[in-house]
Amino acid sequence: QVQLVESGGGLVQAGGSLRLSCAASGRTFSRNTMGWFRQAPGKEREFVAAINWNSGSTYYADSVKGRFTISRDNAKNTEYLQMNSLKPEDTAVYYCAAQDRPYLGISAQLQRYNYWGQGTQVSVSS
């Protein structure tokens, strides 16, 4: 059974930092694009960041560019999202995602991702 399990969420003050992790099990994603999405209350799920299989390419939503950094460790089958200078508008449930087919390009589209974690809550107070 393939699972993606996020961790590292929590409550932080504005300007603070958090590091999210997403550990995959059941199969390897070392050749697959992975990403992070988020969903705030009453809003649709939106793209945050993505990274290709060998970390050669990354892509960020404009709203997080310069503040968030996506990375991965293929040996651990894990991806990360370092979030700095957090703002109240970053408050959301954060989901990690992975594509099924290997070597595909980075995408910001939800439908391009086949596997999803259960989400971790990030709350930023003002």
PDB file of N, CA and C in Angstrom:
ATOM      1  N   GLN A   1       0.842  -1.196   0.000  1.00  0.00           N
ATOM      2  CA  GLN A   1       0.000   0.000   0.000  1.00  0.00           C
ATOM      3  C   GLN A   1       0.879   1.248   0.000  1.00  0.00           C
ATOM      4  N   VAL A   2       0.649   2.109  -0.959  1.00  0.00           N
ATOM      5  CA  VAL A   2       1.438   3.328  -1.070  1.00  0.00           C
ATOM      6  C   VAL A   2       0.883   4.377  -0.107  1.00  0.00           C
ATOM      7  N   GLN A   3       1.796   4.973   0.650  1.00  0.00           N
ATOM      8  CA  GLN A   3       1.401   6.015   1.579  1.00  0.00           C
ATOM      9  C   GLN A   3       2.360   7.188   1.520  1.00  0.00           C
ATOM     10  N   LEU A   4       1.806   8.382   1.638  1.00  0.00           N
ATOM     11  CA  LEU A   4       2.581   9.596   1.835  1.00  0.00           C
ATOM     12  C   LEU A   4       2.137  10.176   3.170  1.00  0.00           C
ATOM     13  N   VAL A   5       3.083  10.380   4.068  1.00  0.00           N
ATOM     14  CA  VAL A   5       2.739  10.840   5.408  1.00  0.00           C
ATOM     15  C   VAL A   5       3.486  12.136   5.707  1.00  0.00           C
ATOM     16  N   GLU A   6       2.712  13.211   5.886  1.00  0.00           N
ATOM     17  CA  GLU A   6       3.303  14.503   6.214  1.00  0.00           C
ATOM     18  C   GLU A   6       3.495  14.650   7.717  1.00  0.00           C
ATOM     19  N   SER A   7       4.472  15.459   8.074  1.00  0.00           N
ATOM     20  CA  SER A   7       4.697  15.811   9.470  1.00  0.00           C
ATOM     21  C   SER A   7       5.365  17.169   9.527  1.00  0.00           C
ATOM     22  N   GLY A   8       5.370  17.759  10.731  1.00  0.00           N
ATOM     23  CA  GLY A   8       6.074  19.020  10.915  1.00  0.00           C
ATOM     24  C   GLY A   8       5.194  20.243  10.996  1.00  0.00           C
ATOM     25  N   GLY A   9       3.900  20.067  10.800  1.00  0.00           N
ATOM     26  CA  GLY A   9       3.000  21.209  10.912  1.00  0.00           C
ATOM     27  C   GLY A   9       2.855  21.659  12.352  1.00  0.00           C
ATOM     28  N   GLY A  10       2.190  22.802  12.530  1.00  0.00           N
ATOM     29  CA  GLY A  10       1.988  23.314  13.878  1.00  0.00           C
ATOM     30  C   GLY A  10       1.572  24.752  13.872  1.00  0.00           C
ATOM     31  N   LEU A  11       1.618  25.356  15.050  1.00  0.00           N
ATOM     32  CA  LEU A  11       1.258  26.759  15.222  1.00  0.00           C
ATOM     33  C   LEU A  11       2.528  27.575  15.406  1.00  0.00           C
ATOM     34  N   VAL A  12       2.638  28.654  14.646  1.00  0.00           N
ATOM     35  CA  VAL A  12       3.825  29.493  14.707  1.00  0.00           C
ATOM     36  C   VAL A  12       3.405  30.954  14.561  1.00  0.00           C
ATOM     37  N   GLN A  13       4.189  31.852  15.122  1.00  0.00           N
ATOM     38  CA  GLN A  13       3.903  33.271  14.969  1.00  0.00           C
ATOM     39  C   GLN A  13       4.371  33.772  13.611  1.00  0.00           C
ATOM     40  N   ALA A  14       3.760  34.833  13.156  1.00  0.00           N
ATOM     41  CA  ALA A  14       4.170  35.441  11.897  1.00  0.00           C
ATOM     42  C   ALA A  14       5.659  35.765  11.946  1.00  0.00           C
ATOM     43  N   GLY A  15       6.342  35.476  10.845  1.00  0.00           N
ATOM     44  CA  GLY A  15       7.781  35.668  10.775  1.00  0.00           C
ATOM     45  C   GLY A  15       8.578  34.440  11.151  1.00  0.00           C
ATOM     46  N   GLY A  16       7.901  33.446  11.701  1.00  0.00           N
ATOM     47  CA  GLY A  16       8.572  32.229  12.121  1.00  0.00           C
ATOM     48  C   GLY A  16       8.780  31.242  10.981  1.00  0.00           C
ATOM     49  N   SER A  17       9.298  30.065  11.350  1.00  0.00           N
ATOM     50  CA  SER A  17       9.636  29.043  10.357  1.00  0.00           C
ATOM     51  C   SER A  17       9.106  27.681  10.782  1.00  0.00           C
ATOM     52  N   LEU A  18       8.836  26.865   9.795  1.00  0.00           N
ATOM     53  CA  LEU A  18       8.495  25.465   9.989  1.00  0.00           C
ATOM     54  C   LEU A  18       9.111  24.654   8.864  1.00  0.00           C
ATOM     55  N   ARG A  19       9.380  23.390   9.148  1.00  0.00           N
ATOM     56  CA  ARG A  19       9.868  22.481   8.121  1.00  0.00           C
ATOM     57  C   ARG A  19       8.939  21.276   8.056  1.00  0.00           C
ATOM     58  N   LEU A  20       8.302  21.125   6.908  1.00  0.00           N
ATOM     59  CA  LEU A  20       7.431  19.987   6.686  1.00  0.00           C
ATOM     60  C   LEU A  20       8.208  18.845   6.047  1.00  0.00           C
ATOM     61  N   SER A  21       7.843  17.632   6.419  1.00  0.00           N
ATOM     62  CA  SER A  21       8.426  16.444   5.805  1.00  0.00           C
ATOM     63  C   SER A  21       7.302  15.584   5.245  1.00  0.00           C
ATOM     64  N   CYS A  22       7.618  14.833   4.205  1.00  0.00           N
ATOM     65  CA  CYS A  22       6.672  13.896   3.612  1.00  0.00           C
ATOM     66  C   CYS A  22       7.423  12.598   3.332  1.00  0.00           C
ATOM     67  N   ALA A  23       7.112  11.579   4.118  1.00  0.00           N
ATOM     68  CA  ALA A  23       7.768  10.285   3.975  1.00  0.00           C
ATOM     69  C   ALA A  23       6.877   9.348   3.165  1.00  0.00           C
ATOM     70  N   ALA A  24       7.444   8.779   2.126  1.00  0.00           N
ATOM     71  CA  ALA A  24       6.701   7.861   1.266  1.00  0.00           C
ATOM     72  C   ALA A  24       7.056   6.421   1.619  1.00  0.00           C
ATOM     73  N   SER A  25       6.078   5.558   1.485  1.00  0.00           N
ATOM     74  CA  SER A  25       6.295   4.124   1.709  1.00  0.00           C
ATOM     75  C   SER A  25       5.444   3.332   0.732  1.00  0.00           C
ATOM     76  N   GLY A  26       5.794   2.101   0.532  1.00  0.00           N
ATOM     77  CA  GLY A  26       5.044   1.241  -0.369  1.00  0.00           C
ATOM     78  C   GLY A  26       5.594   1.193  -1.783  1.00  0.00           C
ATOM     79  N   ARG A  27       6.345   2.185  -2.178  1.00  0.00           N
ATOM     80  CA  ARG A  27       7.040   2.230  -3.471  1.00  0.00           C
ATOM     81  C   ARG A  27       8.032   3.371  -3.413  1.00  0.00           C
ATOM     82  N   THR A  28       8.961   3.357  -4.343  1.00  0.00           N
ATOM     83  CA  THR A  28       9.919   4.442  -4.410  1.00  0.00           C
ATOM     84  C   THR A  28       9.409   5.539  -5.351  1.00  0.00           C
ATOM     85  N   PHE A  29       9.705   6.791  -4.991  1.00  0.00           N
ATOM     86  CA  PHE A  29       9.381   7.926  -5.847  1.00  0.00           C
ATOM     87  C   PHE A  29      10.651   8.638  -6.306  1.00  0.00           C
ATOM     88  N   SER A  30      11.766   7.927  -6.295  1.00  0.00           N
ATOM     89  CA  SER A  30      13.044   8.546  -6.611  1.00  0.00           C
ATOM     90  C   SER A  30      13.134   9.022  -8.055  1.00  0.00           C
ATOM     91  N   ARG A  31      12.247   8.560  -8.917  1.00  0.00           N
ATOM     92  CA  ARG A  31      12.251   9.004 -10.308  1.00  0.00           C
ATOM     93  C   ARG A  31      11.008   9.809 -10.667  1.00  0.00           C
ATOM     94  N   ASN A  32      10.318  10.316  -9.652  1.00  0.00           N
ATOM     95  CA  ASN A  32       9.026  10.966  -9.862  1.00  0.00           C
ATOM     96  C   ASN A  32       9.019  12.386  -9.318  1.00  0.00           C
ATOM     97  N   THR A  33       8.361  13.262 -10.066  1.00  0.00           N
ATOM     98  CA  THR A  33       8.137  14.619  -9.568  1.00  0.00           C
ATOM     99  C   THR A  33       7.250  14.573  -8.328  1.00  0.00           C
ATOM    100  N   MET A  34       7.616  15.387  -7.350  1.00  0.00           N
ATOM    101  CA  MET A  34       6.817  15.503  -6.138  1.00  0.00           C
ATOM    102  C   MET A  34       6.496  16.973  -5.894  1.00  0.00           C
ATOM    103  N   GLY A  35       5.456  17.206  -5.104  1.00  0.00           N
ATOM    104  CA  GLY A  35       5.056  18.583  -4.871  1.00  0.00           C
ATOM    105  C   GLY A  35       4.362  18.778  -3.544  1.00  0.00           C
ATOM    106  N   TRP A  36       4.083  20.032  -3.261  1.00  0.00           N
ATOM    107  CA  TRP A  36       3.329  20.439  -2.089  1.00  0.00           C
ATOM    108  C   TRP A  36       2.164  21.325  -2.540  1.00  0.00           C
ATOM    109  N   PHE A  37       1.022  21.091  -1.936  1.00  0.00           N
ATOM    110  CA  PHE A  37      -0.162  21.900  -2.161  1.00  0.00           C
ATOM    111  C   PHE A  37      -0.718  22.299  -0.800  1.00  0.00           C
ATOM    112  N   ARG A  38      -1.622  23.264  -0.788  1.00  0.00           N
ATOM    113  CA  ARG A  38      -2.248  23.653   0.467  1.00  0.00           C
ATOM    114  C   ARG A  38      -3.698  24.042   0.233  1.00  0.00           C
ATOM    115  N   GLN A  39      -4.480  23.933   1.301  1.00  0.00           N
ATOM    116  CA  GLN A  39      -5.888  24.280   1.223  1.00  0.00           C
ATOM    117  C   GLN A  39      -6.304  25.004   2.492  1.00  0.00           C
ATOM    118  N   ALA A  40      -6.705  26.255   2.319  1.00  0.00           N
ATOM    119  CA  ALA A  40      -7.198  27.054   3.434  1.00  0.00           C
ATOM    120  C   ALA A  40      -8.704  26.860   3.565  1.00  0.00           C
ATOM    121  N   PRO A  41      -9.256  27.139   4.739  1.00  0.00           N
ATOM    122  CA  PRO A  41     -10.708  26.954   4.936  1.00  0.00           C
ATOM    123  C   PRO A  41     -11.521  27.751   3.921  1.00  0.00           C
ATOM    124  N   GLY A  42     -12.455  27.080   3.277  1.00  0.00           N
ATOM    125  CA  GLY A  42     -13.320  27.742   2.311  1.00  0.00           C
ATOM    126  C   GLY A  42     -12.692  28.019   0.966  1.00  0.00           C
ATOM    127  N   LYS A  43     -11.478  27.543   0.772  1.00  0.00           N
ATOM    128  CA  LYS A  43     -10.788  27.795  -0.501  1.00  0.00           C
ATOM    129  C   LYS A  43     -10.422  26.489  -1.180  1.00  0.00           C
ATOM    130  N   GLU A  44     -10.124  26.572  -2.455  1.00  0.00           N
ATOM    131  CA  GLU A  44      -9.710  25.397  -3.201  1.00  0.00           C
ATOM    132  C   GLU A  44      -8.251  25.068  -2.891  1.00  0.00           C
ATOM    133  N   ARG A  45      -7.904  23.811  -3.095  1.00  0.00           N
ATOM    134  CA  ARG A  45      -6.515  23.403  -2.920  1.00  0.00           C
ATOM    135  C   ARG A  45      -5.659  24.093  -3.981  1.00  0.00           C
ATOM    136  N   GLU A  46      -4.511  24.611  -3.567  1.00  0.00           N
ATOM    137  CA  GLU A  46      -3.654  25.351  -4.490  1.00  0.00           C
ATOM    138  C   GLU A  46      -2.216  24.845  -4.436  1.00  0.00           C
ATOM    139  N   PHE A  47      -1.548  25.071  -5.539  1.00  0.00           N
ATOM    140  CA  PHE A  47      -0.158  24.664  -5.684  1.00  0.00           C
ATOM    141  C   PHE A  47       0.749  25.526  -4.829  1.00  0.00           C
ATOM    142  N   VAL A  48       1.778  24.891  -4.241  1.00  0.00           N
ATOM    143  CA  VAL A  48       2.778  25.611  -3.461  1.00  0.00           C
ATOM    144  C   VAL A  48       4.156  25.494  -4.112  1.00  0.00           C
ATOM    145  N   ALA A  49       4.600  24.250  -4.329  1.00  0.00           N
ATOM    146  CA  ALA A  49       5.943  24.041  -4.866  1.00  0.00           C
ATOM    147  C   ALA A  49       6.043  22.639  -5.428  1.00  0.00           C
ATOM    148  N   ALA A  50       6.998  22.456  -6.348  1.00  0.00           N
ATOM    149  CA  ALA A  50       7.239  21.134  -6.916  1.00  0.00           C
ATOM    150  C   ALA A  50       8.721  20.974  -7.204  1.00  0.00           C
ATOM    151  N   ILE A  51       9.157  19.715  -7.253  1.00  0.00           N
ATOM    152  CA  ILE A  51      10.568  19.405  -7.497  1.00  0.00           C
ATOM    153  C   ILE A  51      10.638  18.174  -8.383  1.00  0.00           C
ATOM    154  N   ASN A  52      11.540  18.206  -9.353  1.00  0.00           N
ATOM    155  CA  ASN A  52      11.623  17.057 -10.236  1.00  0.00           C
ATOM    156  C   ASN A  52      12.436  15.941  -9.584  1.00  0.00           C
ATOM    157  N   TRP A  53      12.593  14.821 -10.282  1.00  0.00           N
ATOM    158  CA  TRP A  53      13.091  13.606  -9.647  1.00  0.00           C
ATOM    159  C   TRP A  53      14.514  13.730  -9.122  1.00  0.00           C
ATOM    160  N   ASN A  54      15.372  14.506  -9.794  1.00  0.00           N
ATOM    161  CA  ASN A  54      16.771  14.578  -9.359  1.00  0.00           C
ATOM    162  C   ASN A  54      17.107  15.922  -8.724  1.00  0.00           C
ATOM    163  N   SER A  55      16.072  16.690  -8.339  1.00  0.00           N
ATOM    164  CA  SER A  55      16.238  18.000  -7.704  1.00  0.00           C
ATOM    165  C   SER A  55      16.861  19.023  -8.640  1.00  0.00           C
ATOM    166  N   GLY A  56      16.886  18.717  -9.930  1.00  0.00           N
ATOM    167  CA  GLY A  56      17.471  19.654 -10.877  1.00  0.00           C
ATOM    168  C   GLY A  56      16.582  20.837 -11.191  1.00  0.00           C
ATOM    169  N   SER A  57      15.290  20.676 -10.953  1.00  0.00           N
ATOM    170  CA  SER A  57      14.342  21.752 -11.230  1.00  0.00           C
ATOM    171  C   SER A  57      13.353  21.884 -10.080  1.00  0.00           C
ATOM    172  N   THR A  58      13.069  23.114  -9.740  1.00  0.00           N
ATOM    173  CA  THR A  58      12.034  23.414  -8.743  1.00  0.00           C
ATOM    174  C   THR A  58      11.153  24.526  -9.284  1.00  0.00           C
ATOM    175  N   TYR A  59       9.958  24.605  -8.735  1.00  0.00           N
ATOM    176  CA  TYR A  59       9.001  25.618  -9.181  1.00  0.00           C
ATOM    177  C   TYR A  59       8.137  26.005  -7.995  1.00  0.00           C
ATOM    178  N   TYR A  60       7.872  27.308  -7.860  1.00  0.00           N
ATOM    179  CA  TYR A  60       7.144  27.808  -6.703  1.00  0.00           C
ATOM    180  C   TYR A  60       5.982  28.701  -7.132  1.00  0.00           C
ATOM    181  N   ALA A  61       4.944  28.679  -6.334  1.00  0.00           N
ATOM    182  CA  ALA A  61       3.889  29.667  -6.501  1.00  0.00           C
ATOM    183  C   ALA A  61       4.454  31.042  -6.165  1.00  0.00           C
ATOM    184  N   ASP A  62       3.964  32.061  -6.828  1.00  0.00           N
ATOM    185  CA  ASP A  62       4.463  33.417  -6.595  1.00  0.00           C
ATOM    186  C   ASP A  62       4.307  33.815  -5.133  1.00  0.00           C
ATOM    187  N   SER A  63       3.275  33.333  -4.485  1.00  0.00           N
ATOM    188  CA  SER A  63       2.985  33.739  -3.114  1.00  0.00           C
ATOM    189  C   SER A  63       4.015  33.234  -2.106  1.00  0.00           C
ATOM    190  N   VAL A  64       4.799  32.222  -2.472  1.00  0.00           N
ATOM    191  CA  VAL A  64       5.764  31.661  -1.525  1.00  0.00           C
ATOM    192  C   VAL A  64       7.198  31.797  -2.017  1.00  0.00           C
ATOM    193  N   LYS A  65       7.378  32.278  -3.218  1.00  0.00           N
ATOM    194  CA  LYS A  65       8.713  32.373  -3.799  1.00  0.00           C
ATOM    195  C   LYS A  65       9.615  33.261  -2.945  1.00  0.00           C
ATOM    196  N   GLY A  66      10.805  32.766  -2.670  1.00  0.00           N
ATOM    197  CA  GLY A  66      11.751  33.513  -1.843  1.00  0.00           C
ATOM    198  C   GLY A  66      11.605  33.238  -0.356  1.00  0.00           C
ATOM    199  N   ARG A  67      10.522  32.578   0.035  1.00  0.00           N
ATOM    200  CA  ARG A  67      10.292  32.272   1.460  1.00  0.00           C
ATOM    201  C   ARG A  67      10.306  30.756   1.713  1.00  0.00           C
ATOM    202  N   PHE A  68       9.827  29.984   0.768  1.00  0.00           N
ATOM    203  CA  PHE A  68       9.751  28.529   0.927  1.00  0.00           C
ATOM    204  C   PHE A  68      10.802  27.863   0.046  1.00  0.00           C
ATOM    205  N   THR A  69      11.303  26.716   0.502  1.00  0.00           N
ATOM    206  CA  THR A  69      12.266  25.933  -0.267  1.00  0.00           C
ATOM    207  C   THR A  69      11.860  24.468  -0.235  1.00  0.00           C
ATOM    208  N   ILE A  70      11.700  23.900  -1.415  1.00  0.00           N
ATOM    209  CA  ILE A  70      11.373  22.478  -1.525  1.00  0.00           C
ATOM    210  C   ILE A  70      12.657  21.695  -1.776  1.00  0.00           C
ATOM    211  N   SER A  71      12.740  20.514  -1.190  1.00  0.00           N
ATOM    212  CA  SER A  71      13.905  19.657  -1.393  1.00  0.00           C
ATOM    213  C   SER A  71      13.472  18.208  -1.238  1.00  0.00           C
ATOM    214  N   ARG A  72      14.386  17.296  -1.549  1.00  0.00           N
ATOM    215  CA  ARG A  72      14.061  15.882  -1.417  1.00  0.00           C
ATOM    216  C   ARG A  72      15.317  15.093  -1.131  1.00  0.00           C
ATOM    217  N   ASP A  73      15.129  13.929  -0.535  1.00  0.00           N
ATOM    218  CA  ASP A  73      16.208  12.985  -0.277  1.00  0.00           C
ATOM    219  C   ASP A  73      15.723  11.653  -0.831  1.00  0.00           C
ATOM    220  N   ASN A  74      16.177  11.309  -2.017  1.00  0.00           N
ATOM    221  CA  ASN A  74      15.685  10.081  -2.659  1.00  0.00           C
ATOM    222  C   ASN A  74      16.091   8.829  -1.894  1.00  0.00           C
ATOM    223  N   ALA A  75      17.209   8.886  -1.228  1.00  0.00           N
ATOM    224  CA  ALA A  75      17.641   7.721  -0.450  1.00  0.00           C
ATOM    225  C   ALA A  75      16.673   7.437   0.693  1.00  0.00           C
ATOM    226  N   LYS A  76      16.007   8.479   1.175  1.00  0.00           N
ATOM    227  CA  LYS A  76      15.038   8.330   2.249  1.00  0.00           C
ATOM    228  C   LYS A  76      13.602   8.323   1.740  1.00  0.00           C
ATOM    229  N   ASN A  77      13.436   8.477   0.416  1.00  0.00           N
ATOM    230  CA  ASN A  77      12.090   8.515  -0.158  1.00  0.00           C
ATOM    231  C   ASN A  77      11.238   9.585   0.513  1.00  0.00           C
ATOM    232  N   THR A  78      11.840  10.753   0.716  1.00  0.00           N
ATOM    233  CA  THR A  78      11.224  11.822   1.498  1.00  0.00           C
ATOM    234  C   THR A  78      11.414  13.163   0.810  1.00  0.00           C
ATOM    235  N   GLU A  79      10.386  14.012   0.885  1.00  0.00           N
ATOM    236  CA  GLU A  79      10.538  15.379   0.426  1.00  0.00           C
ATOM    237  C   GLU A  79      10.268  16.319   1.595  1.00  0.00           C
ATOM    238  N   TYR A  80      10.731  17.558   1.428  1.00  0.00           N
ATOM    239  CA  TYR A  80      10.653  18.530   2.504  1.00  0.00           C
ATOM    240  C   TYR A  80      10.151  19.866   1.958  1.00  0.00           C
ATOM    241  N   LEU A  81       9.619  20.662   2.865  1.00  0.00           N
ATOM    242  CA  LEU A  81       9.260  22.037   2.542  1.00  0.00           C
ATOM    243  C   LEU A  81       9.693  22.915   3.709  1.00  0.00           C
ATOM    244  N   GLN A  82      10.752  23.678   3.496  1.00  0.00           N
ATOM    245  CA  GLN A  82      11.217  24.637   4.485  1.00  0.00           C
ATOM    246  C   GLN A  82      10.451  25.934   4.285  1.00  0.00           C
ATOM    247  N   MET A  83       9.763  26.370   5.328  1.00  0.00           N
ATOM    248  CA  MET A  83       8.934  27.566   5.225  1.00  0.00           C
ATOM    249  C   MET A  83       9.464  28.627   6.182  1.00  0.00           C
ATOM    250  N   ASN A  84       9.926  29.719   5.630  1.00  0.00           N
ATOM    251  CA  ASN A  84      10.456  30.835   6.419  1.00  0.00           C
ATOM    252  C   ASN A  84       9.582  32.069   6.240  1.00  0.00           C
ATOM    253  N   SER A  85       9.754  33.021   7.122  1.00  0.00           N
ATOM    254  CA  SER A  85       9.004  34.287   7.059  1.00  0.00           C
ATOM    255  C   SER A  85       7.513  34.025   6.869  1.00  0.00           C
ATOM    256  N   LEU A  86       6.982  33.151   7.673  1.00  0.00           N
ATOM    257  CA  LEU A  86       5.586  32.753   7.522  1.00  0.00           C
ATOM    258  C   LEU A  86       4.646  33.916   7.799  1.00  0.00           C
ATOM    259  N   LYS A  87       3.539  33.922   7.062  1.00  0.00           N
ATOM    260  CA  LYS A  87       2.523  34.961   7.179  1.00  0.00           C
ATOM    261  C   LYS A  87       1.192  34.317   7.570  1.00  0.00           C
ATOM    262  N   PRO A  88       0.298  35.080   8.157  1.00  0.00           N
ATOM    263  CA  PRO A  88      -1.022  34.511   8.496  1.00  0.00           C
ATOM    264  C   PRO A  88      -1.728  33.904   7.294  1.00  0.00           C
ATOM    265  N   GLU A  89      -1.521  34.464   6.127  1.00  0.00           N
ATOM    266  CA  GLU A  89      -2.172  33.933   4.919  1.00  0.00           C
ATOM    267  C   GLU A  89      -1.588  32.599   4.463  1.00  0.00           C
ATOM    268  N   ASP A  90      -0.519  32.144   5.101  1.00  0.00           N
ATOM    269  CA  ASP A  90       0.021  30.808   4.819  1.00  0.00           C
ATOM    270  C   ASP A  90      -0.736  29.723   5.595  1.00  0.00           C
ATOM    271  N   THR A  91      -1.633  30.128   6.475  1.00  0.00           N
ATOM    272  CA  THR A  91      -2.396  29.170   7.256  1.00  0.00           C
ATOM    273  C   THR A  91      -3.246  28.292   6.344  1.00  0.00           C
ATOM    274  N   ALA A  92      -3.061  26.979   6.471  1.00  0.00           N
ATOM    275  CA  ALA A  92      -3.754  26.018   5.612  1.00  0.00           C
ATOM    276  C   ALA A  92      -3.366  24.605   6.029  1.00  0.00           C
ATOM    277  N   VAL A  93      -4.069  23.646   5.457  1.00  0.00           N
ATOM    278  CA  VAL A  93      -3.615  22.255   5.529  1.00  0.00           C
ATOM    279  C   VAL A  93      -2.689  22.032   4.341  1.00  0.00           C
ATOM    280  N   TYR A  94      -1.511  21.529   4.617  1.00  0.00           N
ATOM    281  CA  TYR A  94      -0.504  21.308   3.579  1.00  0.00           C
ATOM    282  C   TYR A  94      -0.456  19.827   3.222  1.00  0.00           C
ATOM    283  N   TYR A  95      -0.490  19.573   1.922  1.00  0.00           N
ATOM    284  CA  TYR A  95      -0.500  18.206   1.405  1.00  0.00           C
ATOM    285  C   TYR A  95       0.731  17.960   0.532  1.00  0.00           C
ATOM    286  N   CYS A  96       1.359  16.809   0.691  1.00  0.00           N
ATOM    287  CA  CYS A  96       2.387  16.424  -0.270  1.00  0.00           C
ATOM    288  C   CYS A  96       1.745  15.528  -1.322  1.00  0.00           C
ATOM    289  N   ALA A  97       2.357  15.499  -2.485  1.00  0.00           N
ATOM    290  CA  ALA A  97       1.811  14.763  -3.607  1.00  0.00           C
ATOM    291  C   ALA A  97       2.938  14.231  -4.473  1.00  0.00           C
ATOM    292  N   ALA A  98       2.638  13.172  -5.218  1.00  0.00           N
ATOM    293  CA  ALA A  98       3.642  12.573  -6.092  1.00  0.00           C
ATOM    294  C   ALA A  98       2.994  12.098  -7.385  1.00  0.00           C
ATOM    295  N   GLN A  99       3.757  12.192  -8.443  1.00  0.00           N
ATOM    296  CA  GLN A  99       3.277  11.691  -9.728  1.00  0.00           C
ATOM    297  C   GLN A  99       3.571  10.197  -9.829  1.00  0.00           C
ATOM    298  N   ASP A 100       2.762   9.505 -10.606  1.00  0.00           N
ATOM    299  CA  ASP A 100       2.922   8.060 -10.736  1.00  0.00           C
ATOM    300  C   ASP A 100       3.989   7.692 -11.769  1.00  0.00           C
ATOM    301  N   ARG A 101       3.945   8.361 -12.911  1.00  0.00           N
ATOM    302  CA  ARG A 101       4.895   8.014 -13.975  1.00  0.00           C
ATOM    303  C   ARG A 101       6.231   8.695 -13.718  1.00  0.00           C
ATOM    304  N   PRO A 102       7.332   8.026 -14.021  1.00  0.00           N
ATOM    305  CA  PRO A 102       8.652   8.602 -13.765  1.00  0.00           C
ATOM    306  C   PRO A 102       9.043   9.631 -14.813  1.00  0.00           C
ATOM    307  N   TYR A 103       9.960  10.504 -14.407  1.00  0.00           N
ATOM    308  CA  TYR A 103      10.625  11.440 -15.301  1.00  0.00           C
ATOM    309  C   TYR A 103       9.694  12.446 -15.979  1.00  0.00           C
ATOM    310  N   LEU A 104       8.537  12.667 -15.422  1.00  0.00           N
ATOM    311  CA  LEU A 104       7.670  13.707 -15.963  1.00  0.00           C
ATOM    312  C   LEU A 104       8.140  15.073 -15.464  1.00  0.00           C
ATOM    313  N   GLY A 105       7.780  16.121 -16.202  1.00  0.00           N
ATOM    314  CA  GLY A 105       8.179  17.463 -15.810  1.00  0.00           C
ATOM    315  C   GLY A 105       7.376  17.967 -14.636  1.00  0.00           C
ATOM    316  N   ILE A 106       7.865  19.078 -14.101  1.00  0.00           N
ATOM    317  CA  ILE A 106       7.190  19.724 -12.984  1.00  0.00           C
ATOM    318  C   ILE A 106       5.835  20.255 -13.431  1.00  0.00           C
ATOM    319  N   SER A 107       4.861  20.143 -12.564  1.00  0.00           N
ATOM    320  CA  SER A 107       3.535  20.659 -12.863  1.00  0.00           C
ATOM    321  C   SER A 107       2.931  21.283 -11.619  1.00  0.00           C
ATOM    322  N   ALA A 108       2.157  22.341 -11.835  1.00  0.00           N
ATOM    323  CA  ALA A 108       1.424  22.986 -10.747  1.00  0.00           C
ATOM    324  C   ALA A 108      -0.038  22.532 -10.719  1.00  0.00           C
ATOM    325  N   GLN A 109      -0.393  21.613 -11.596  1.00  0.00           N
ATOM    326  CA  GLN A 109      -1.783  21.173 -11.714  1.00  0.00           C
ATOM    327  C   GLN A 109      -2.054  19.964 -10.813  1.00  0.00           C
ATOM    328  N   LEU A 110      -3.097  20.060 -10.026  1.00  0.00           N
ATOM    329  CA  LEU A 110      -3.449  18.986  -9.096  1.00  0.00           C
ATOM    330  C   LEU A 110      -3.644  17.655  -9.817  1.00  0.00           C
ATOM    331  N   GLN A 111      -4.265  17.687 -10.969  1.00  0.00           N
ATOM    332  CA  GLN A 111      -4.632  16.438 -11.638  1.00  0.00           C
ATOM    333  C   GLN A 111      -3.422  15.675 -12.156  1.00  0.00           C
ATOM    334  N   ARG A 112      -2.262  16.314 -12.161  1.00  0.00           N
ATOM    335  CA  ARG A 112      -1.040  15.639 -12.610  1.00  0.00           C
ATOM    336  C   ARG A 112      -0.452  14.740 -11.531  1.00  0.00           C
ATOM    337  N   TYR A 113      -0.969  14.846 -10.311  1.00  0.00           N
ATOM    338  CA  TYR A 113      -0.432  14.100  -9.187  1.00  0.00           C
ATOM    339  C   TYR A 113      -1.388  12.973  -8.806  1.00  0.00           C
ATOM    340  N   ASN A 114      -0.832  11.816  -8.600  1.00  0.00           N
ATOM    341  CA  ASN A 114      -1.634  10.616  -8.407  1.00  0.00           C
ATOM    342  C   ASN A 114      -1.714  10.146  -6.950  1.00  0.00           C
ATOM    343  N   TYR A 115      -0.725  10.527  -6.169  1.00  0.00           N
ATOM    344  CA  TYR A 115      -0.677  10.092  -4.776  1.00  0.00           C
ATOM    345  C   TYR A 115      -0.663  11.326  -3.877  1.00  0.00           C
ATOM    346  N   TRP A 116      -1.419  11.230  -2.787  1.00  0.00           N
ATOM    347  CA  TRP A 116      -1.580  12.359  -1.883  1.00  0.00           C
ATOM    348  C   TRP A 116      -1.445  11.902  -0.431  1.00  0.00           C
ATOM    349  N   GLY A 117      -0.869  12.775   0.389  1.00  0.00           N
ATOM    350  CA  GLY A 117      -0.846  12.529   1.818  1.00  0.00           C
ATOM    351  C   GLY A 117      -2.150  12.983   2.455  1.00  0.00           C
ATOM    352  N   GLN A 118      -2.237  12.786   3.755  1.00  0.00           N
ATOM    353  CA  GLN A 118      -3.463  13.126   4.475  1.00  0.00           C
ATOM    354  C   GLN A 118      -3.493  14.578   4.917  1.00  0.00           C
ATOM    355  N   GLY A 119      -2.360  15.252   4.843  1.00  0.00           N
ATOM    356  CA  GLY A 119      -2.299  16.668   5.171  1.00  0.00           C
ATOM    357  C   GLY A 119      -1.804  16.933   6.581  1.00  0.00           C
ATOM    358  N   THR A 120      -1.171  18.088   6.743  1.00  0.00           N
ATOM    359  CA  THR A 120      -0.725  18.540   8.057  1.00  0.00           C
ATOM    360  C   THR A 120      -1.094  20.015   8.205  1.00  0.00           C
ATOM    361  N   GLN A 121      -1.616  20.383   9.355  1.00  0.00           N
ATOM    362  CA  GLN A 121      -2.105  21.739   9.575  1.00  0.00           C
ATOM    363  C   GLN A 121      -0.952  22.679   9.900  1.00  0.00           C
ATOM    364  N   VAL A 122      -0.923  23.796   9.212  1.00  0.00           N
ATOM    365  CA  VAL A 122      -0.001  24.888   9.516  1.00  0.00           C
ATOM    366  C   VAL A 122      -0.846  26.111   9.859  1.00  0.00           C
ATOM    367  N   SER A 123      -0.625  26.659  11.033  1.00  0.00           N
ATOM    368  CA  SER A 123      -1.363  27.832  11.477  1.00  0.00           C
ATOM    369  C   SER A 123      -0.365  28.921  11.848  1.00  0.00           C
ATOM    370  N   VAL A 124      -0.552  30.105  11.288  1.00  0.00           N
ATOM    371  CA  VAL A 124       0.342  31.231  11.532  1.00  0.00           C
ATOM    372  C   VAL A 124      -0.461  32.351  12.181  1.00  0.00           C
ATOM    373  N   SER A 125      -0.060  32.727  13.381  1.00  0.00           N
ATOM    374  CA  SER A 125      -0.762  33.777  14.112  1.00  0.00           C
ATOM    375  C   SER A 125      -0.109  35.129  13.857  1.00  0.00           C
ATOM    376  N   SER A 126      -0.928  36.157  13.896  1.00  0.00           N
ATOM    377  CA  SER A 126      -0.409  37.507  13.628  1.00  0.00           C
ATOM    378  C   SER A 126       0.080  38.180  14.903  1.00  0.00           C
TER     379      SER A 126
END
